[in-house]
Amino acid sequence: MIQSFWGPTGSAGDVREGYYYSHTEALAAHSSYIQDDWARWGRSTQARLTNLKGIELRVLLSIAPDESIFVRLFVADAIDLLQPGDVALEDGKRFRMEYNISF
């Protein structure tokens, strides 16, 4: 995974931007032990979380020293066809927004 994060942090109004790139080959790790932010392919009991490449864009806005809004955009594509009957590579886009407070 390649990652980069820029900008100040902590004070109200500070903005940090980030970029991540991931390339995870098929069966590189068991899906039970790998991240699940990038893709939701498969079923609820067995998600396919390997065999993907993609980017994540992040923006973190500090509202106060203890509060922030964190938005993330994931754009992922499958690397190879894996299952019998697959006719197209899977792809996916996810947007996630979080409000964080620490105390």
PDB file of N, CA and C in Angstrom:
ATOM      1  N   MET A   1       0.846  -1.168   0.000  1.00  0.00           N
ATOM      2  CA  MET A   1       0.000   0.000   0.000  1.00  0.00           C
ATOM      3  C   MET A   1       0.895   1.236   0.000  1.00  0.00           C
ATOM      4  N   ILE A   2       0.582   2.162  -0.850  1.00  0.00           N
ATOM      5  CA  ILE A   2       1.270   3.443  -0.904  1.00  0.00           C
ATOM      6  C   ILE A   2       0.352   4.468  -0.263  1.00  0.00           C
ATOM      7  N   GLN A   3       0.895   5.308   0.610  1.00  0.00           N
ATOM      8  CA  GLN A   3       0.055   6.292   1.273  1.00  0.00           C
ATOM      9  C   GLN A   3       0.777   7.617   1.405  1.00  0.00           C
ATOM     10  N   SER A   4       0.005   8.661   1.450  1.00  0.00           N
ATOM     11  CA  SER A   4       0.537   9.995   1.624  1.00  0.00           C
ATOM     12  C   SER A   4      -0.543  10.845   2.291  1.00  0.00           C
ATOM     13  N   PHE A   5      -0.162  11.669   3.253  1.00  0.00           N
ATOM     14  CA  PHE A   5      -1.104  12.515   3.982  1.00  0.00           C
ATOM     15  C   PHE A   5      -0.463  13.878   4.168  1.00  0.00           C
ATOM     16  N   TRP A   6      -1.148  14.944   3.779  1.00  0.00           N
ATOM     17  CA  TRP A   6      -0.592  16.292   3.835  1.00  0.00           C
ATOM     18  C   TRP A   6      -1.470  17.208   4.665  1.00  0.00           C
ATOM     19  N   GLY A   7      -0.842  18.198   5.283  1.00  0.00           N
ATOM     20  CA  GLY A   7      -1.587  19.260   5.946  1.00  0.00           C
ATOM     21  C   GLY A   7      -1.412  19.286   7.445  1.00  0.00           C
ATOM     22  N   PRO A   8      -1.732  20.433   8.064  1.00  0.00           N
ATOM     23  CA  PRO A   8      -1.638  20.573   9.516  1.00  0.00           C
ATOM     24  C   PRO A   8      -2.794  19.834  10.196  1.00  0.00           C
ATOM     25  N   THR A   9      -2.690  19.677  11.475  1.00  0.00           N
ATOM     26  CA  THR A   9      -3.753  18.993  12.204  1.00  0.00           C
ATOM     27  C   THR A   9      -3.920  19.595  13.593  1.00  0.00           C
ATOM     28  N   GLY A  10      -5.135  19.533  14.106  1.00  0.00           N
ATOM     29  CA  GLY A  10      -5.372  19.907  15.491  1.00  0.00           C
ATOM     30  C   GLY A  10      -6.143  21.175  15.725  1.00  0.00           C
ATOM     31  N   SER A  11      -5.869  22.222  14.985  1.00  0.00           N
ATOM     32  CA  SER A  11      -6.562  23.489  15.224  1.00  0.00           C
ATOM     33  C   SER A  11      -7.838  23.564  14.402  1.00  0.00           C
ATOM     34  N   ALA A  12      -8.812  24.304  14.892  1.00  0.00           N
ATOM     35  CA  ALA A  12     -10.070  24.468  14.164  1.00  0.00           C
ATOM     36  C   ALA A  12      -9.790  25.038  12.778  1.00  0.00           C
ATOM     37  N   GLY A  13     -10.392  24.446  11.771  1.00  0.00           N
ATOM     38  CA  GLY A  13     -10.224  24.905  10.406  1.00  0.00           C
ATOM     39  C   GLY A  13      -9.091  24.232   9.651  1.00  0.00           C
ATOM     40  N   ASP A  14      -8.244  23.458  10.327  1.00  0.00           N
ATOM     41  CA  ASP A  14      -7.168  22.744   9.638  1.00  0.00           C
ATOM     42  C   ASP A  14      -7.748  21.654   8.735  1.00  0.00           C
ATOM     43  N   VAL A  15      -7.148  21.502   7.566  1.00  0.00           N
ATOM     44  CA  VAL A  15      -7.591  20.484   6.607  1.00  0.00           C
ATOM     45  C   VAL A  15      -6.393  19.628   6.232  1.00  0.00           C
ATOM     46  N   ARG A  16      -6.572  18.309   6.282  1.00  0.00           N
ATOM     47  CA  ARG A  16      -5.542  17.367   5.836  1.00  0.00           C
ATOM     48  C   ARG A  16      -6.104  16.557   4.689  1.00  0.00           C
ATOM     49  N   GLU A  17      -5.308  16.345   3.666  1.00  0.00           N
ATOM     50  CA  GLU A  17      -5.710  15.529   2.535  1.00  0.00           C
ATOM     51  C   GLU A  17      -4.816  14.293   2.501  1.00  0.00           C
ATOM     52  N   GLY A  18      -5.377  13.211   1.993  1.00  0.00           N
ATOM     53  CA  GLY A  18      -4.604  11.983   1.904  1.00  0.00           C
ATOM     54  C   GLY A  18      -4.935  11.194   0.662  1.00  0.00           C
ATOM     55  N   TYR A  19      -3.977  10.377   0.265  1.00  0.00           N
ATOM     56  CA  TYR A  19      -4.119   9.517  -0.909  1.00  0.00           C
ATOM     57  C   TYR A  19      -3.512   8.164  -0.569  1.00  0.00           C
ATOM     58  N   TYR A  20      -4.228   7.108  -0.855  1.00  0.00           N
ATOM     59  CA  TYR A  20      -3.741   5.754  -0.642  1.00  0.00           C
ATOM     60  C   TYR A  20      -3.945   4.964  -1.928  1.00  0.00           C
ATOM     61  N   TYR A  21      -3.022   4.082  -2.223  1.00  0.00           N
ATOM     62  CA  TYR A  21      -3.162   3.153  -3.347  1.00  0.00           C
ATOM     63  C   TYR A  21      -2.927   1.756  -2.804  1.00  0.00           C
ATOM     64  N   SER A  22      -3.779   0.815  -3.189  1.00  0.00           N
ATOM     65  CA  SER A  22      -3.637  -0.563  -2.742  1.00  0.00           C
ATOM     66  C   SER A  22      -3.739  -1.505  -3.930  1.00  0.00           C
ATOM     67  N   HIS A  23      -2.922  -2.541  -3.904  1.00  0.00           N
ATOM     68  CA  HIS A  23      -2.954  -3.607  -4.907  1.00  0.00           C
ATOM     69  C   HIS A  23      -2.820  -4.908  -4.129  1.00  0.00           C
ATOM     70  N   THR A  24      -3.916  -5.629  -3.939  1.00  0.00           N
ATOM     71  CA  THR A  24      -3.933  -6.851  -3.140  1.00  0.00           C
ATOM     72  C   THR A  24      -4.287  -8.022  -4.048  1.00  0.00           C
ATOM     73  N   GLU A  25      -3.317  -8.888  -4.300  1.00  0.00           N
ATOM     74  CA  GLU A  25      -3.523 -10.043  -5.176  1.00  0.00           C
ATOM     75  C   GLU A  25      -4.545 -11.002  -4.565  1.00  0.00           C
ATOM     76  N   ALA A  26      -5.128 -11.816  -5.422  1.00  0.00           N
ATOM     77  CA  ALA A  26      -6.102 -12.816  -4.979  1.00  0.00           C
ATOM     78  C   ALA A  26      -5.467 -13.742  -3.947  1.00  0.00           C
ATOM     79  N   LEU A  27      -6.175 -13.966  -2.859  1.00  0.00           N
ATOM     80  CA  LEU A  27      -5.769 -14.867  -1.785  1.00  0.00           C
ATOM     81  C   LEU A  27      -4.449 -14.459  -1.131  1.00  0.00           C
ATOM     82  N   ALA A  28      -4.094 -13.188  -1.184  1.00  0.00           N
ATOM     83  CA  ALA A  28      -2.877 -12.698  -0.519  1.00  0.00           C
ATOM     84  C   ALA A  28      -2.995 -12.851   0.998  1.00  0.00           C
ATOM     85  N   ALA A  29      -4.202 -12.769   1.496  1.00  0.00           N
ATOM     86  CA  ALA A  29      -4.487 -12.966   2.916  1.00  0.00           C
ATOM     87  C   ALA A  29      -5.920 -13.487   3.017  1.00  0.00           C
ATOM     88  N   HIS A  30      -6.218 -14.134   4.113  1.00  0.00           N
ATOM     89  CA  HIS A  30      -7.577 -14.628   4.324  1.00  0.00           C
ATOM     90  C   HIS A  30      -8.492 -13.430   4.563  1.00  0.00           C
ATOM     91  N   SER A  31      -9.656 -13.427   3.937  1.00  0.00           N
ATOM     92  CA  SER A  31     -10.570 -12.275   4.025  1.00  0.00           C
ATOM     93  C   SER A  31     -11.036 -11.975   5.445  1.00  0.00           C
ATOM     94  N   SER A  32     -10.956 -12.946   6.337  1.00  0.00           N
ATOM     95  CA  SER A  32     -11.334 -12.697   7.732  1.00  0.00           C
ATOM     96  C   SER A  32     -10.352 -11.772   8.432  1.00  0.00           C
ATOM     97  N   TYR A  33      -9.136 -11.657   7.903  1.00  0.00           N
ATOM     98  CA  TYR A  33      -8.084 -10.895   8.570  1.00  0.00           C
ATOM     99  C   TYR A  33      -7.636  -9.663   7.791  1.00  0.00           C
ATOM    100  N   ILE A  34      -8.324  -9.322   6.741  1.00  0.00           N
ATOM    101  CA  ILE A  34      -7.910  -8.203   5.904  1.00  0.00           C
ATOM    102  C   ILE A  34      -8.917  -7.062   6.043  1.00  0.00           C
ATOM    103  N   GLN A  35      -8.555  -5.880   5.626  1.00  0.00           N
ATOM    104  CA  GLN A  35      -9.434  -4.714   5.692  1.00  0.00           C
ATOM    105  C   GLN A  35     -10.744  -4.984   4.959  1.00  0.00           C
ATOM    106  N   ASP A  36     -11.772  -4.235   5.309  1.00  0.00           N
ATOM    107  CA  ASP A  36     -13.044  -4.387   4.595  1.00  0.00           C
ATOM    108  C   ASP A  36     -13.606  -3.044   4.146  1.00  0.00           C
ATOM    109  N   ASP A  37     -12.780  -2.003   4.131  1.00  0.00           N
ATOM    110  CA  ASP A  37     -13.248  -0.691   3.706  1.00  0.00           C
ATOM    111  C   ASP A  37     -13.344  -0.572   2.187  1.00  0.00           C
ATOM    112  N   TRP A  38     -12.496  -1.255   1.472  1.00  0.00           N
ATOM    113  CA  TRP A  38     -12.350  -1.028   0.039  1.00  0.00           C
ATOM    114  C   TRP A  38     -13.471  -1.632  -0.791  1.00  0.00           C
ATOM    115  N   ALA A  39     -13.968  -2.796  -0.449  1.00  0.00           N
ATOM    116  CA  ALA A  39     -14.937  -3.469  -1.329  1.00  0.00           C
ATOM    117  C   ALA A  39     -15.958  -4.240  -0.513  1.00  0.00           C
ATOM    118  N   ARG A  40     -17.116  -4.409  -1.077  1.00  0.00           N
ATOM    119  CA  ARG A  40     -18.180  -5.188  -0.452  1.00  0.00           C
ATOM    120  C   ARG A  40     -18.646  -6.290  -1.405  1.00  0.00           C
ATOM    121  N   TRP A  41     -17.726  -6.817  -2.190  1.00  0.00           N
ATOM    122  CA  TRP A  41     -18.092  -7.852  -3.152  1.00  0.00           C
ATOM    123  C   TRP A  41     -18.343  -9.167  -2.434  1.00  0.00           C
ATOM    124  N   GLY A  42     -19.248  -9.947  -2.951  1.00  0.00           N
ATOM    125  CA  GLY A  42     -19.557 -11.230  -2.350  1.00  0.00           C
ATOM    126  C   GLY A  42     -20.832 -11.140  -1.539  1.00  0.00           C
ATOM    127  N   ARG A  43     -20.986 -12.098  -0.630  1.00  0.00           N
ATOM    128  CA  ARG A  43     -22.170 -12.162   0.219  1.00  0.00           C
ATOM    129  C   ARG A  43     -21.812 -11.703   1.627  1.00  0.00           C
ATOM    130  N   SER A  44     -22.823 -11.512   2.440  1.00  0.00           N
ATOM    131  CA  SER A  44     -22.583 -11.038   3.804  1.00  0.00           C
ATOM    132  C   SER A  44     -21.781 -12.047   4.622  1.00  0.00           C
ATOM    133  N   THR A  45     -21.895 -13.332   4.299  1.00  0.00           N
ATOM    134  CA  THR A  45     -21.159 -14.345   5.054  1.00  0.00           C
ATOM    135  C   THR A  45     -19.770 -14.591   4.493  1.00  0.00           C
ATOM    136  N   GLN A  46     -19.516 -14.161   3.253  1.00  0.00           N
ATOM    137  CA  GLN A  46     -18.202 -14.386   2.658  1.00  0.00           C
ATOM    138  C   GLN A  46     -17.908 -13.291   1.641  1.00  0.00           C
ATOM    139  N   ALA A  47     -17.273 -12.233   2.092  1.00  0.00           N
ATOM    140  CA  ALA A  47     -16.913 -11.133   1.193  1.00  0.00           C
ATOM    141  C   ALA A  47     -15.586 -11.448   0.520  1.00  0.00           C
ATOM    142  N   ARG A  48     -15.441 -11.010  -0.715  1.00  0.00           N
ATOM    143  CA  ARG A  48     -14.178 -11.195  -1.438  1.00  0.00           C
ATOM    144  C   ARG A  48     -13.384  -9.898  -1.303  1.00  0.00           C
ATOM    145  N   LEU A  49     -12.397  -9.889  -0.427  1.00  0.00           N
ATOM    146  CA  LEU A  49     -11.669  -8.666  -0.095  1.00  0.00           C
ATOM    147  C   LEU A  49     -10.234  -8.666  -0.603  1.00  0.00           C
ATOM    148  N   THR A  50      -9.879  -9.631  -1.423  1.00  0.00           N
ATOM    149  CA  THR A  50      -8.590  -9.623  -2.103  1.00  0.00           C
ATOM    150  C   THR A  50      -8.872  -9.555  -3.598  1.00  0.00           C
ATOM    151  N   ASN A  51      -7.839  -9.603  -4.419  1.00  0.00           N
ATOM    152  CA  ASN A  51      -7.980  -9.489  -5.870  1.00  0.00           C
ATOM    153  C   ASN A  51      -8.540  -8.114  -6.245  1.00  0.00           C
ATOM    154  N   LEU A  52      -7.973  -7.072  -5.648  1.00  0.00           N
ATOM    155  CA  LEU A  52      -8.441  -5.733  -5.991  1.00  0.00           C
ATOM    156  C   LEU A  52      -7.285  -4.752  -5.996  1.00  0.00           C
ATOM    157  N   LYS A  53      -7.490  -3.696  -6.767  1.00  0.00           N
ATOM    158  CA  LYS A  53      -6.564  -2.563  -6.781  1.00  0.00           C
ATOM    159  C   LYS A  53      -7.407  -1.305  -6.787  1.00  0.00           C
ATOM    160  N   GLY A  54      -6.890  -0.258  -6.203  1.00  0.00           N
ATOM    161  CA  GLY A  54      -7.670   0.965  -6.194  1.00  0.00           C
ATOM    162  C   GLY A  54      -7.057   2.058  -5.363  1.00  0.00           C
ATOM    163  N   ILE A  55      -7.795   3.155  -5.275  1.00  0.00           N
ATOM    164  CA  ILE A  55      -7.342   4.317  -4.532  1.00  0.00           C
ATOM    165  C   ILE A  55      -8.335   4.664  -3.428  1.00  0.00           C
ATOM    166  N   GLU A  56      -7.821   5.381  -2.457  1.00  0.00           N
ATOM    167  CA  GLU A  56      -8.653   5.983  -1.411  1.00  0.00           C
ATOM    168  C   GLU A  56      -8.219   7.436  -1.307  1.00  0.00           C
ATOM    169  N   LEU A  57      -9.172   8.347  -1.384  1.00  0.00           N
ATOM    170  CA  LEU A  57      -8.925   9.766  -1.176  1.00  0.00           C
ATOM    171  C   LEU A  57      -9.529  10.143   0.168  1.00  0.00           C
ATOM    172  N   ARG A  58      -8.775  10.884   0.977  1.00  0.00           N
ATOM    173  CA  ARG A  58      -9.222  11.255   2.320  1.00  0.00           C
ATOM    174  C   ARG A  58      -9.150  12.764   2.508  1.00  0.00           C
ATOM    175  N   VAL A  59     -10.097  13.297   3.256  1.00  0.00           N
ATOM    176  CA  VAL A  59     -10.043  14.689   3.697  1.00  0.00           C
ATOM    177  C   VAL A  59     -10.473  14.702   5.159  1.00  0.00           C
ATOM    178  N   LEU A  60      -9.663  15.330   5.997  1.00  0.00           N
ATOM    179  CA  LEU A  60      -9.945  15.453   7.428  1.00  0.00           C
ATOM    180  C   LEU A  60     -10.034  16.937   7.752  1.00  0.00           C
ATOM    181  N   LEU A  61     -11.181  17.371   8.229  1.00  0.00           N
ATOM    182  CA  LEU A  61     -11.414  18.765   8.601  1.00  0.00           C
ATOM    183  C   LEU A  61     -11.538  18.850  10.115  1.00  0.00           C
ATOM    184  N   SER A  62     -10.638  19.607  10.747  1.00  0.00           N
ATOM    185  CA  SER A  62     -10.699  19.805  12.198  1.00  0.00           C
ATOM    186  C   SER A  62     -11.699  20.910  12.506  1.00  0.00           C
ATOM    187  N   ILE A  63     -12.685  20.574  13.320  1.00  0.00           N
ATOM    188  CA  ILE A  63     -13.694  21.547  13.737  1.00  0.00           C
ATOM    189  C   ILE A  63     -13.226  22.262  14.997  1.00  0.00           C
ATOM    190  N   ALA A  64     -12.630  21.513  15.886  1.00  0.00           N
ATOM    191  CA  ALA A  64     -12.074  21.996  17.148  1.00  0.00           C
ATOM    192  C   ALA A  64     -10.924  21.049  17.485  1.00  0.00           C
ATOM    193  N   PRO A  65     -10.125  21.350  18.512  1.00  0.00           N
ATOM    194  CA  PRO A  65      -9.016  20.440  18.831  1.00  0.00           C
ATOM    195  C   PRO A  65      -9.456  19.000  19.096  1.00  0.00           C
ATOM    196  N   ASP A  66     -10.685  18.783  19.537  1.00  0.00           N
ATOM    197  CA  ASP A  66     -11.151  17.424  19.852  1.00  0.00           C
ATOM    198  C   ASP A  66     -12.206  16.908  18.887  1.00  0.00           C
ATOM    199  N   GLU A  67     -12.527  17.641  17.822  1.00  0.00           N
ATOM    200  CA  GLU A  67     -13.591  17.235  16.904  1.00  0.00           C
ATOM    201  C   GLU A  67     -13.132  17.357  15.458  1.00  0.00           C
ATOM    202  N   SER A  68     -13.570  16.396  14.637  1.00  0.00           N
ATOM    203  CA  SER A  68     -13.210  16.451  13.219  1.00  0.00           C
ATOM    204  C   SER A  68     -14.266  15.736  12.373  1.00  0.00           C
ATOM    205  N   ILE A  69     -14.293  16.094  11.111  1.00  0.00           N
ATOM    206  CA  ILE A  69     -15.102  15.396  10.107  1.00  0.00           C
ATOM    207  C   ILE A  69     -14.122  14.750   9.148  1.00  0.00           C
ATOM    208  N   PHE A  70     -14.332  13.483   8.882  1.00  0.00           N
ATOM    209  CA  PHE A  70     -13.411  12.684   8.088  1.00  0.00           C
ATOM    210  C   PHE A  70     -14.197  12.062   6.933  1.00  0.00           C
ATOM    211  N   VAL A  71     -13.852  12.406   5.695  1.00  0.00           N
ATOM    212  CA  VAL A  71     -14.532  11.826   4.535  1.00  0.00           C
ATOM    213  C   VAL A  71     -13.533  11.012   3.729  1.00  0.00           C
ATOM    214  N   ARG A  72     -14.027   9.896   3.182  1.00  0.00           N
ATOM    215  CA  ARG A  72     -13.183   8.980   2.424  1.00  0.00           C
ATOM    216  C   ARG A  72     -13.933   8.511   1.188  1.00  0.00           C
ATOM    217  N   LEU A  73     -13.238   8.477   0.058  1.00  0.00           N
ATOM    218  CA  LEU A  73     -13.774   7.946  -1.189  1.00  0.00           C
ATOM    219  C   LEU A  73     -12.889   6.788  -1.617  1.00  0.00           C
ATOM    220  N   PHE A  74     -13.506   5.623  -1.838  1.00  0.00           N
ATOM    221  CA  PHE A  74     -12.802   4.430  -2.284  1.00  0.00           C
ATOM    222  C   PHE A  74     -13.232   4.117  -3.709  1.00  0.00           C
ATOM    223  N   VAL A  75     -12.275   3.875  -4.584  1.00  0.00           N
ATOM    224  CA  VAL A  75     -12.548   3.451  -5.961  1.00  0.00           C
ATOM    225  C   VAL A  75     -11.707   2.213  -6.196  1.00  0.00           C
ATOM    226  N   ALA A  76     -12.355   1.060  -6.370  1.00  0.00           N
ATOM    227  CA  ALA A  76     -11.633  -0.212  -6.484  1.00  0.00           C
ATOM    228  C   ALA A  76     -12.095  -0.984  -7.711  1.00  0.00           C
ATOM    229  N   ASP A  77     -11.168  -1.749  -8.272  1.00  0.00           N
ATOM    230  CA  ASP A  77     -11.439  -2.626  -9.414  1.00  0.00           C
ATOM    231  C   ASP A  77     -10.806  -3.985  -9.152  1.00  0.00           C
ATOM    232  N   ALA A  78     -11.459  -5.034  -9.616  1.00  0.00           N
ATOM    233  CA  ALA A  78     -10.893  -6.369  -9.518  1.00  0.00           C
ATOM    234  C   ALA A  78      -9.694  -6.484 -10.453  1.00  0.00           C
ATOM    235  N   ILE A  79      -8.718  -7.314 -10.073  1.00  0.00           N
ATOM    236  CA  ILE A  79      -7.528  -7.524 -10.891  1.00  0.00           C
ATOM    237  C   ILE A  79      -7.774  -8.618 -11.929  1.00  0.00           C
ATOM    238  N   ASP A  80      -8.360  -9.739 -11.511  1.00  0.00           N
ATOM    239  CA  ASP A  80      -8.589 -10.889 -12.403  1.00  0.00           C
ATOM    240  C   ASP A  80      -9.994 -11.445 -12.209  1.00  0.00           C
ATOM    241  N   LEU A  81     -10.487 -12.160 -13.216  1.00  0.00           N
ATOM    242  CA  LEU A  81     -11.711 -12.957 -13.060  1.00  0.00           C
ATOM    243  C   LEU A  81     -11.341 -14.162 -12.209  1.00  0.00           C
ATOM    244  N   LEU A  82     -12.137 -14.484 -11.197  1.00  0.00           N
ATOM    245  CA  LEU A  82     -11.759 -15.553 -10.278  1.00  0.00           C
ATOM    246  C   LEU A  82     -12.718 -16.731 -10.245  1.00  0.00           C
ATOM    247  N   GLN A  83     -13.994 -16.459 -10.279  1.00  0.00           N
ATOM    248  CA  GLN A  83     -14.988 -17.507 -10.096  1.00  0.00           C
ATOM    249  C   GLN A  83     -15.437 -18.079 -11.438  1.00  0.00           C
ATOM    250  N   PRO A  84     -15.750 -19.361 -11.492  1.00  0.00           N
ATOM    251  CA  PRO A  84     -16.339 -19.906 -12.721  1.00  0.00           C
ATOM    252  C   PRO A  84     -17.624 -19.146 -13.039  1.00  0.00           C
ATOM    253  N   GLY A  85     -17.780 -18.742 -14.253  1.00  0.00           N
ATOM    254  CA  GLY A  85     -18.966 -18.001 -14.651  1.00  0.00           C
ATOM    255  C   GLY A  85     -18.786 -16.491 -14.611  1.00  0.00           C
ATOM    256  N   ASP A  86     -17.684 -16.003 -14.039  1.00  0.00           N
ATOM    257  CA  ASP A  86     -17.426 -14.563 -14.057  1.00  0.00           C
ATOM    258  C   ASP A  86     -17.243 -14.103 -15.498  1.00  0.00           C
ATOM    259  N   VAL A  87     -17.943 -13.063 -15.880  1.00  0.00           N
ATOM    260  CA  VAL A  87     -17.828 -12.554 -17.255  1.00  0.00           C
ATOM    261  C   VAL A  87     -17.295 -11.125 -17.293  1.00  0.00           C
ATOM    262  N   ALA A  88     -17.236 -10.461 -16.146  1.00  0.00           N
ATOM    263  CA  ALA A  88     -16.744  -9.089 -16.092  1.00  0.00           C
ATOM    264  C   ALA A  88     -16.004  -8.872 -14.777  1.00  0.00           C
ATOM    265  N   LEU A  89     -15.056  -7.973 -14.803  1.00  0.00           N
ATOM    266  CA  LEU A  89     -14.339  -7.618 -13.580  1.00  0.00           C
ATOM    267  C   LEU A  89     -15.239  -6.778 -12.684  1.00  0.00           C
ATOM    268  N   GLU A  90     -15.218  -7.067 -11.396  1.00  0.00           N
ATOM    269  CA  GLU A  90     -16.005  -6.295 -10.443  1.00  0.00           C
ATOM    270  C   GLU A  90     -15.359  -4.928 -10.246  1.00  0.00           C
ATOM    271  N   ASP A  91     -16.173  -3.955  -9.926  1.00  0.00           N
ATOM    272  CA  ASP A  91     -15.657  -2.646  -9.562  1.00  0.00           C
ATOM    273  C   ASP A  91     -16.577  -2.059  -8.504  1.00  0.00           C
ATOM    274  N   GLY A  92     -16.091  -1.066  -7.834  1.00  0.00           N
ATOM    275  CA  GLY A  92     -16.920  -0.481  -6.790  1.00  0.00           C
ATOM    276  C   GLY A  92     -16.420   0.878  -6.369  1.00  0.00           C
ATOM    277  N   LYS A  93     -17.366   1.677  -5.920  1.00  0.00           N
ATOM    278  CA  LYS A  93     -17.065   3.001  -5.379  1.00  0.00           C
ATOM    279  C   LYS A  93     -17.833   3.125  -4.070  1.00  0.00           C
ATOM    280  N   ARG A  94     -17.158   3.626  -3.051  1.00  0.00           N
ATOM    281  CA  ARG A  94     -17.800   3.833  -1.756  1.00  0.00           C
ATOM    282  C   ARG A  94     -17.422   5.202  -1.239  1.00  0.00           C
ATOM    283  N   PHE A  95     -18.352   5.849  -0.586  1.00  0.00           N
ATOM    284  CA  PHE A  95     -18.102   7.132   0.067  1.00  0.00           C
ATOM    285  C   PHE A  95     -18.459   6.962   1.529  1.00  0.00           C
ATOM    286  N   ARG A  96     -17.607   7.455   2.391  1.00  0.00           N
ATOM    287  CA  ARG A  96     -17.835   7.292   3.824  1.00  0.00           C
ATOM    288  C   ARG A  96     -17.546   8.614   4.524  1.00  0.00           C
ATOM    289  N   MET A  97     -18.416   9.009   5.446  1.00  0.00           N
ATOM    290  CA  MET A  97     -18.229  10.235   6.221  1.00  0.00           C
ATOM    291  C   MET A  97     -18.342   9.892   7.707  1.00  0.00           C
ATOM    292  N   GLU A  98     -17.409  10.418   8.493  1.00  0.00           N
ATOM    293  CA  GLU A  98     -17.394  10.164   9.927  1.00  0.00           C
ATOM    294  C   GLU A  98     -17.293  11.481  10.683  1.00  0.00           C
ATOM    295  N   TYR A  99     -17.942  11.545  11.803  1.00  0.00           N
ATOM    296  CA  TYR A  99     -17.772  12.645  12.750  1.00  0.00           C
ATOM    297  C   TYR A  99     -17.043  12.053  13.951  1.00  0.00           C
ATOM    298  N   ASN A 100     -15.860  12.561  14.268  1.00  0.00           N
ATOM    299  CA  ASN A 100     -15.043  12.032  15.351  1.00  0.00           C
ATOM    300  C   ASN A 100     -14.925  13.063  16.464  1.00  0.00           C
ATOM    301  N   ILE A 101     -15.042  12.560  17.677  1.00  0.00           N
ATOM    302  CA  ILE A 101     -14.836  13.397  18.859  1.00  0.00           C
ATOM    303  C   ILE A 101     -14.012  12.594  19.859  1.00  0.00           C
ATOM    304  N   SER A 102     -13.070  13.268  20.479  1.00  0.00           N
ATOM    305  CA  SER A 102     -12.278  12.589  21.508  1.00  0.00           C
ATOM    306  C   SER A 102     -12.442  13.328  22.830  1.00  0.00           C
ATOM    307  N   PHE A 103     -12.419  12.577  23.902  1.00  0.00           N
ATOM    308  CA  PHE A 103     -12.573  13.162  25.242  1.00  0.00           C
ATOM    309  C   PHE A 103     -11.857  12.309  26.245  1.00  0.00           C
TER     310      PHE A 103
END
